[in-house]
């Protein structure tokens, strides 16, 4: 299950690939797509920051659990 941010990012990447396949004005098209992607990622970062400010303890707990999960997966791989 993908998040809306990932789906939008994939759509932007596909648009960039289409723009790159066109030879006329490809650079401008790619720059436009990358600028749009940057704006969407900045908006996602702002949303994440707002969520952390609204729920600081839950954010710390989630980060701790995610770190423990990653550490567990890394230790099993060895």
PDB file of N, CA and C in Angstrom:
ATOM      1  N   UNK A   1       0.845  -1.176   0.000  1.00  0.00           N
ATOM      2  CA  UNK A   1       0.000   0.000   0.000  1.00  0.00           C
ATOM      3  C   UNK A   1       0.889   1.237   0.000  1.00  0.00           C
ATOM      4  N   UNK A   2       0.722   2.076  -0.996  1.00  0.00           N
ATOM      5  CA  UNK A   2       1.558   3.256  -1.112  1.00  0.00           C
ATOM      6  C   UNK A   2       0.831   4.466  -0.557  1.00  0.00           C
ATOM      7  N   UNK A   3       1.618   5.396  -0.047  1.00  0.00           N
ATOM      8  CA  UNK A   3       1.044   6.634   0.466  1.00  0.00           C
ATOM      9  C   UNK A   3       0.778   7.573  -0.701  1.00  0.00           C
ATOM     10  N   UNK A   4      -0.097   8.539  -0.498  1.00  0.00           N
ATOM     11  CA  UNK A   4      -0.375   9.497  -1.578  1.00  0.00           C
ATOM     12  C   UNK A   4       0.877  10.243  -2.037  1.00  0.00           C
ATOM     13  N   UNK A   5       1.792  10.497  -1.113  1.00  0.00           N
ATOM     14  CA  UNK A   5       3.024  11.208  -1.485  1.00  0.00           C
ATOM     15  C   UNK A   5       3.836  10.368  -2.454  1.00  0.00           C
ATOM     16  N   UNK A   6       3.956   9.052  -2.171  1.00  0.00           N
ATOM     17  CA  UNK A   6       4.714   8.181  -3.069  1.00  0.00           C
ATOM     18  C   UNK A   6       4.030   8.063  -4.420  1.00  0.00           C
ATOM     19  N   UNK A   7       2.697   7.981  -4.419  1.00  0.00           N
ATOM     20  CA  UNK A   7       1.977   7.887  -5.688  1.00  0.00           C
ATOM     21  C   UNK A   7       2.188   9.143  -6.513  1.00  0.00           C
ATOM     22  N   UNK A   8       2.129  10.306  -5.855  1.00  0.00           N
ATOM     23  CA  UNK A   8       2.353  11.559  -6.568  1.00  0.00           C
ATOM     24  C   UNK A   8       3.785  11.655  -7.072  1.00  0.00           C
ATOM     25  N   UNK A   9       4.728  11.202  -6.265  1.00  0.00           N
ATOM     26  CA  UNK A   9       6.130  11.240  -6.676  1.00  0.00           C
ATOM     27  C   UNK A   9       6.355  10.347  -7.882  1.00  0.00           C
ATOM     28  N   UNK A  10       5.720   9.170  -7.881  1.00  0.00           N
ATOM     29  CA  UNK A  10       5.860   8.275  -9.029  1.00  0.00           C
ATOM     30  C   UNK A  10       5.256   8.900 -10.276  1.00  0.00           C
ATOM     31  N   UNK A  11       4.139   9.602 -10.111  1.00  0.00           N
ATOM     32  CA  UNK A  11       3.517  10.269 -11.251  1.00  0.00           C
ATOM     33  C   UNK A  11       4.438  11.360 -11.797  1.00  0.00           C
ATOM     34  N   UNK A  12       5.103  12.061 -10.909  1.00  0.00           N
ATOM     35  CA  UNK A  12       6.029  13.119 -11.337  1.00  0.00           C
ATOM     36  C   UNK A  12       7.226  12.510 -12.049  1.00  0.00           C
ATOM     37  N   UNK A  13       7.729  11.393 -11.533  1.00  0.00           N
ATOM     38  CA  UNK A  13       8.863  10.730 -12.171  1.00  0.00           C
ATOM     39  C   UNK A  13       8.465  10.237 -13.561  1.00  0.00           C
ATOM     40  N   UNK A  14       7.261   9.681 -13.703  1.00  0.00           N
ATOM     41  CA  UNK A  14       6.797   9.240 -15.015  1.00  0.00           C
ATOM     42  C   UNK A  14       6.687  10.415 -15.972  1.00  0.00           C
ATOM     43  N   UNK A  15       6.206  11.541 -15.470  1.00  0.00           N
ATOM     44  CA  UNK A  15       6.113  12.737 -16.308  1.00  0.00           C
ATOM     45  C   UNK A  15       7.499  13.205 -16.728  1.00  0.00           C
ATOM     46  N   UNK A  16       8.467  13.095 -15.818  1.00  0.00           N
ATOM     47  CA  UNK A  16       9.838  13.476 -16.154  1.00  0.00           C
ATOM     48  C   UNK A  16      10.410  12.556 -17.223  1.00  0.00           C
ATOM     49  N   UNK A  17      10.105  11.275 -17.119  1.00  0.00           N
ATOM     50  CA  UNK A  17      10.602  10.334 -18.117  1.00  0.00           C
ATOM     51  C   UNK A  17       9.985  10.623 -19.484  1.00  0.00           C
ATOM     52  N   UNK A  18       8.699  10.963 -19.514  1.00  0.00           N
ATOM     53  CA  UNK A  18       8.054  11.321 -20.774  1.00  0.00           C
ATOM     54  C   UNK A  18       8.659  12.592 -21.351  1.00  0.00           C
ATOM     55  N   UNK A  19       8.911  13.550 -20.467  1.00  0.00           N
ATOM     56  CA  UNK A  19       9.502  14.814 -20.919  1.00  0.00           C
ATOM     57  C   UNK A  19      10.899  14.582 -21.470  1.00  0.00           C
ATOM     58  N   UNK A  20      11.640  13.669 -20.855  1.00  0.00           N
ATOM     59  CA  UNK A  20      12.998  13.395 -21.311  1.00  0.00           C
ATOM     60  C   UNK A  20      13.002  12.720 -22.668  1.00  0.00           C
ATOM     61  N   UNK A  21      11.942  11.977 -22.978  1.00  0.00           N
ATOM     62  CA  UNK A  21      11.899  11.282 -24.261  1.00  0.00           C
ATOM     63  C   UNK A  21      11.651  12.245 -25.429  1.00  0.00           C
ATOM     64  N   UNK A  22      11.086  13.404 -25.140  1.00  0.00           N
ATOM     65  CA  UNK A  22      10.884  14.410 -26.180  1.00  0.00           C
ATOM     66  C   UNK A  22      12.176  15.209 -26.343  1.00  0.00           C
ATOM     67  N   UNK A  23      12.615  15.378 -27.571  1.00  0.00           N
ATOM     68  CA  UNK A  23      13.871  16.084 -27.791  1.00  0.00           C
ATOM     69  C   UNK A  23      13.706  17.596 -27.765  1.00  0.00           C
ATOM     70  N   UNK A  24      12.583  18.107 -28.219  1.00  0.00           N
ATOM     71  CA  UNK A  24      12.383  19.555 -28.253  1.00  0.00           C
ATOM     72  C   UNK A  24      11.931  20.091 -26.910  1.00  0.00           C
ATOM     73  N   UNK A  25      12.712  20.942 -26.303  1.00  0.00           N
ATOM     74  CA  UNK A  25      12.342  21.552 -25.031  1.00  0.00           C
ATOM     75  C   UNK A  25      12.377  20.594 -23.863  1.00  0.00           C
ATOM     76  N   UNK A  26      13.121  19.521 -23.981  1.00  0.00           N
ATOM     77  CA  UNK A  26      13.150  18.499 -22.931  1.00  0.00           C
ATOM     78  C   UNK A  26      13.716  19.061 -21.633  1.00  0.00           C
ATOM     79  N   UNK A  27      14.727  19.863 -21.737  1.00  0.00           N
ATOM     80  CA  UNK A  27      15.348  20.394 -20.526  1.00  0.00           C
ATOM     81  C   UNK A  27      14.358  21.235 -19.731  1.00  0.00           C
ATOM     82  N   UNK A  28      13.615  22.083 -20.409  1.00  0.00           N
ATOM     83  CA  UNK A  28      12.636  22.932 -19.733  1.00  0.00           C
ATOM     84  C   UNK A  28      11.542  22.091 -19.095  1.00  0.00           C
ATOM     85  N   UNK A  29      11.094  21.052 -19.798  1.00  0.00           N
ATOM     86  CA  UNK A  29      10.068  20.172 -19.253  1.00  0.00           C
ATOM     87  C   UNK A  29      10.565  19.453 -18.005  1.00  0.00           C
ATOM     88  N   UNK A  30      11.780  18.981 -18.062  1.00  0.00           N
ATOM     89  CA  UNK A  30      12.357  18.273 -16.915  1.00  0.00           C
ATOM     90  C   UNK A  30      12.508  19.221 -15.733  1.00  0.00           C
ATOM     91  N   UNK A  31      12.964  20.428 -16.004  1.00  0.00           N
ATOM     92  CA  UNK A  31      13.108  21.409 -14.919  1.00  0.00           C
ATOM     93  C   UNK A  31      11.756  21.725 -14.283  1.00  0.00           C
ATOM     94  N   UNK A  32      10.711  21.837 -15.097  1.00  0.00           N
ATOM     95  CA  UNK A  32       9.373  22.089 -14.564  1.00  0.00           C
ATOM     96  C   UNK A  32       8.903  20.940 -13.688  1.00  0.00           C
ATOM     97  N   UNK A  33       9.131  19.730 -14.140  1.00  0.00           N
ATOM     98  CA  UNK A  33       8.709  18.552 -13.382  1.00  0.00           C
ATOM     99  C   UNK A  33       9.488  18.460 -12.075  1.00  0.00           C
ATOM    100  N   UNK A  34      10.778  18.701 -12.131  1.00  0.00           N
ATOM    101  CA  UNK A  34      11.587  18.643 -10.914  1.00  0.00           C
ATOM    102  C   UNK A  34      11.200  19.747  -9.935  1.00  0.00           C
ATOM    103  N   UNK A  35      10.867  20.918 -10.442  1.00  0.00           N
ATOM    104  CA  UNK A  35      10.419  22.011  -9.585  1.00  0.00           C
ATOM    105  C   UNK A  35       9.108  21.625  -8.893  1.00  0.00           C
ATOM    106  N   UNK A  36       8.209  21.004  -9.633  1.00  0.00           N
ATOM    107  CA  UNK A  36       6.939  20.552  -9.055  1.00  0.00           C
ATOM    108  C   UNK A  36       7.179  19.483  -7.986  1.00  0.00           C
ATOM    109  N   UNK A  37       8.085  18.560  -8.260  1.00  0.00           N
ATOM    110  CA  UNK A  37       8.412  17.529  -7.282  1.00  0.00           C
ATOM    111  C   UNK A  37       8.994  18.148  -6.018  1.00  0.00           C
ATOM    112  N   UNK A  38       9.866  19.129  -6.177  1.00  0.00           N
ATOM    113  CA  UNK A  38      10.458  19.796  -5.028  1.00  0.00           C
ATOM    114  C   UNK A  38       9.384  20.491  -4.189  1.00  0.00           C
ATOM    115  N   UNK A  39       8.438  21.130  -4.842  1.00  0.00           N
ATOM    116  CA  UNK A  39       7.354  21.795  -4.115  1.00  0.00           C
ATOM    117  C   UNK A  39       6.507  20.784  -3.342  1.00  0.00           C
ATOM    118  N   UNK A  40       6.213  19.646  -3.952  1.00  0.00           N
ATOM    119  CA  UNK A  40       5.418  18.617  -3.279  1.00  0.00           C
ATOM    120  C   UNK A  40       6.167  18.016  -2.099  1.00  0.00           C
ATOM    121  N   UNK A  41       7.464  17.807  -2.256  1.00  0.00           N
ATOM    122  CA  UNK A  41       8.244  17.260  -1.151  1.00  0.00           C
ATOM    123  C   UNK A  41       8.369  18.259  -0.009  1.00  0.00           C
ATOM    124  N   UNK A  42       8.490  19.547  -0.339  1.00  0.00           N
ATOM    125  CA  UNK A  42       8.523  20.568   0.699  1.00  0.00           C
ATOM    126  C   UNK A  42       7.196  20.615   1.450  1.00  0.00           C
ATOM    127  N   UNK A  43       6.091  20.470   0.728  1.00  0.00           N
ATOM    128  CA  UNK A  43       4.775  20.454   1.367  1.00  0.00           C
ATOM    129  C   UNK A  43       4.641  19.237   2.282  1.00  0.00           C
ATOM    130  N   UNK A  44       5.150  18.088   1.835  1.00  0.00           N
ATOM    131  CA  UNK A  44       5.102  16.881   2.661  1.00  0.00           C
ATOM    132  C   UNK A  44       5.949  17.058   3.919  1.00  0.00           C
ATOM    133  N   UNK A  45       7.098  17.688   3.787  1.00  0.00           N
ATOM    134  CA  UNK A  45       7.953  17.939   4.951  1.00  0.00           C
ATOM    135  C   UNK A  45       7.267  18.895   5.923  1.00  0.00           C
ATOM    136  N   UNK A  46       6.590  19.901   5.399  1.00  0.00           N
ATOM    137  CA  UNK A  46       5.850  20.826   6.259  1.00  0.00           C
ATOM    138  C   UNK A  46       4.724  20.098   6.995  1.00  0.00           C
ATOM    139  N   UNK A  47       4.019  19.212   6.293  1.00  0.00           N
ATOM    140  CA  UNK A  47       2.956  18.431   6.916  1.00  0.00           C
ATOM    141  C   UNK A  47       3.509  17.540   8.026  1.00  0.00           C
ATOM    142  N   UNK A  48       4.649  16.925   7.763  1.00  0.00           N
ATOM    143  CA  UNK A  48       5.275  16.069   8.779  1.00  0.00           C
ATOM    144  C   UNK A  48       5.688  16.898   9.988  1.00  0.00           C
ATOM    145  N   UNK A  49       6.227  18.077   9.745  1.00  0.00           N
ATOM    146  CA  UNK A  49       6.628  18.944  10.854  1.00  0.00           C
ATOM    147  C   UNK A  49       5.413  19.352  11.688  1.00  0.00           C
ATOM    148  N   UNK A  50       4.317  19.686  11.019  1.00  0.00           N
ATOM    149  CA  UNK A  50       3.095  20.051  11.740  1.00  0.00           C
ATOM    150  C   UNK A  50       2.594  18.887  12.593  1.00  0.00           C
ATOM    151  N   UNK A  51       2.696  17.677  12.062  1.00  0.00           N
ATOM    152  CA  UNK A  51       2.263  16.491  12.799  1.00  0.00           C
ATOM    153  C   UNK A  51       3.125  16.274  14.038  1.00  0.00           C
ATOM    154  N   UNK A  52       4.426  16.463  13.901  1.00  0.00           N
ATOM    155  CA  UNK A  52       5.336  16.290  15.035  1.00  0.00           C
ATOM    156  C   UNK A  52       5.063  17.350  16.100  1.00  0.00           C
ATOM    157  N   UNK A  53       4.813  18.584  15.675  1.00  0.00           N
ATOM    158  CA  UNK A  53       4.522  19.654  16.631  1.00  0.00           C
ATOM    159  C   UNK A  53       3.203  19.373  17.351  1.00  0.00           C
ATOM    160  N   UNK A  54       2.225  18.842  16.629  1.00  0.00           N
ATOM    161  CA  UNK A  54       0.921  18.570  17.227  1.00  0.00           C
ATOM    162  C   UNK A  54       0.966  17.375  18.180  1.00  0.00           C
ATOM    163  N   UNK A  55       1.815  16.390  17.892  1.00  0.00           N
ATOM    164  CA  UNK A  55       1.877  15.158  18.687  1.00  0.00           C
ATOM    165  C   UNK A  55       3.328  14.781  18.971  1.00  0.00           C
ATOM    166  N   UNK A  56       4.019  15.538  19.828  1.00  0.00           N
ATOM    167  CA  UNK A  56       5.455  15.285  20.031  1.00  0.00           C
ATOM    168  C   UNK A  56       5.766  13.934  20.675  1.00  0.00           C
ATOM    169  N   UNK A  57       4.991  13.532  21.685  1.00  0.00           N
ATOM    170  CA  UNK A  57       5.286  12.273  22.366  1.00  0.00           C
ATOM    171  C   UNK A  57       5.027  11.074  21.456  1.00  0.00           C
ATOM    172  N   UNK A  58       3.947  11.121  20.709  1.00  0.00           N
ATOM    173  CA  UNK A  58       3.660  10.039  19.774  1.00  0.00           C
ATOM    174  C   UNK A  58       4.732   9.969  18.687  1.00  0.00           C
ATOM    175  N   UNK A  59       5.247  11.126  18.268  1.00  0.00           N
ATOM    176  CA  UNK A  59       6.292  11.160  17.247  1.00  0.00           C
ATOM    177  C   UNK A  59       7.586  10.532  17.756  1.00  0.00           C
ATOM    178  N   UNK A  60       7.942  10.842  19.004  1.00  0.00           N
ATOM    179  CA  UNK A  60       9.150  10.257  19.595  1.00  0.00           C
ATOM    180  C   UNK A  60       8.979   8.746  19.749  1.00  0.00           C
ATOM    181  N   UNK A  61       7.810   8.321  20.201  1.00  0.00           N
ATOM    182  CA  UNK A  61       7.550   6.883  20.360  1.00  0.00           C
ATOM    183  C   UNK A  61       7.614   6.173  19.013  1.00  0.00           C
ATOM    184  N   UNK A  62       7.031   6.772  17.987  1.00  0.00           N
ATOM    185  CA  UNK A  62       7.056   6.164  16.654  1.00  0.00           C
ATOM    186  C   UNK A  62       8.486   6.081  16.125  1.00  0.00           C
ATOM    187  N   UNK A  63       9.272   7.118  16.337  1.00  0.00           N
ATOM    188  CA  UNK A  63      10.667   7.101  15.882  1.00  0.00           C
ATOM    189  C   UNK A  63      11.462   6.028  16.621  1.00  0.00           C
ATOM    190  N   UNK A  64      11.226   5.894  17.929  1.00  0.00           N
ATOM    191  CA  UNK A  64      11.910   4.871  18.704  1.00  0.00           C
ATOM    192  C   UNK A  64      11.546   3.474  18.205  1.00  0.00           C
ATOM    193  N   UNK A  65      10.251   3.225  17.996  1.00  0.00           N
ATOM    194  CA  UNK A  65       9.816   1.908  17.523  1.00  0.00           C
ATOM    195  C   UNK A  65      10.356   1.607  16.128  1.00  0.00           C
ATOM    196  N   UNK A  66      10.379   2.600  15.279  1.00  0.00           N
ATOM    197  CA  UNK A  66      10.931   2.399  13.937  1.00  0.00           C
ATOM    198  C   UNK A  66      12.418   2.074  14.014  1.00  0.00           C
ATOM    199  N   UNK A  67      13.140   2.776  14.876  1.00  0.00           N
ATOM    200  CA  UNK A  67      14.568   2.499  15.057  1.00  0.00           C
ATOM    201  C   UNK A  67      14.804   1.100  15.601  1.00  0.00           C
ATOM    202  N   UNK A  68      13.974   0.678  16.554  1.00  0.00           N
ATOM    203  CA  UNK A  68      14.100  -0.674  17.112  1.00  0.00           C
ATOM    204  C   UNK A  68      13.811  -1.723  16.049  1.00  0.00           C
ATOM    205  N   UNK A  69      12.819  -1.465  15.211  1.00  0.00           N
ATOM    206  CA  UNK A  69      12.482  -2.400  14.131  1.00  0.00           C
ATOM    207  C   UNK A  69      13.628  -2.518  13.131  1.00  0.00           C
ATOM    208  N   UNK A  70      14.184  -1.401  12.726  1.00  0.00           N
ATOM    209  CA  UNK A  70      15.298  -1.420  11.776  1.00  0.00           C
ATOM    210  C   UNK A  70      16.513  -2.114  12.389  1.00  0.00           C
ATOM    211  N   UNK A  71      16.792  -1.832  13.656  1.00  0.00           N
ATOM    212  CA  UNK A  71      17.922  -2.481  14.327  1.00  0.00           C
ATOM    213  C   UNK A  71      17.707  -3.987  14.395  1.00  0.00           C
ATOM    214  N   UNK A  72      16.492  -4.405  14.674  1.00  0.00           N
ATOM    215  CA  UNK A  72      16.183  -5.831  14.718  1.00  0.00           C
ATOM    216  C   UNK A  72      16.368  -6.494  13.357  1.00  0.00           C
ATOM    217  N   UNK A  73      15.933  -5.819  12.313  1.00  0.00           N
ATOM    218  CA  UNK A  73      16.085  -6.375  10.971  1.00  0.00           C
ATOM    219  C   UNK A  73      17.553  -6.452  10.560  1.00  0.00           C
ATOM    220  N   UNK A  74      18.325  -5.450  10.922  1.00  0.00           N
ATOM    221  CA  UNK A  74      19.755  -5.450  10.582  1.00  0.00           C
ATOM    222  C   UNK A  74      20.485  -6.558  11.342  1.00  0.00           C
ATOM    223  N   UNK A  75      20.147  -6.727  12.614  1.00  0.00           N
ATOM    224  CA  UNK A  75      20.840  -7.752  13.399  1.00  0.00           C
ATOM    225  C   UNK A  75      20.492  -9.157  12.919  1.00  0.00           C
ATOM    226  N   UNK A  76      19.292  -9.358  12.385  1.00  0.00           N
ATOM    227  CA  UNK A  76      18.912 -10.673  11.848  1.00  0.00           C
ATOM    228  C   UNK A  76      19.615 -10.971  10.535  1.00  0.00           C
ATOM    229  N   UNK A  77      19.925  -9.923   9.790  1.00  0.00           N
ATOM    230  CA  UNK A  77      20.568 -10.107   8.491  1.00  0.00           C
ATOM    231  C   UNK A  77      22.022 -10.558   8.628  1.00  0.00           C
ATOM    232  N   UNK A  78      22.610 -10.350   9.769  1.00  0.00           N
ATOM    233  CA  UNK A  78      24.013 -10.695   9.958  1.00  0.00           C
ATOM    234  C   UNK A  78      24.179 -12.065  10.437  1.00  0.00           C
TER     235      UNK A  78
END
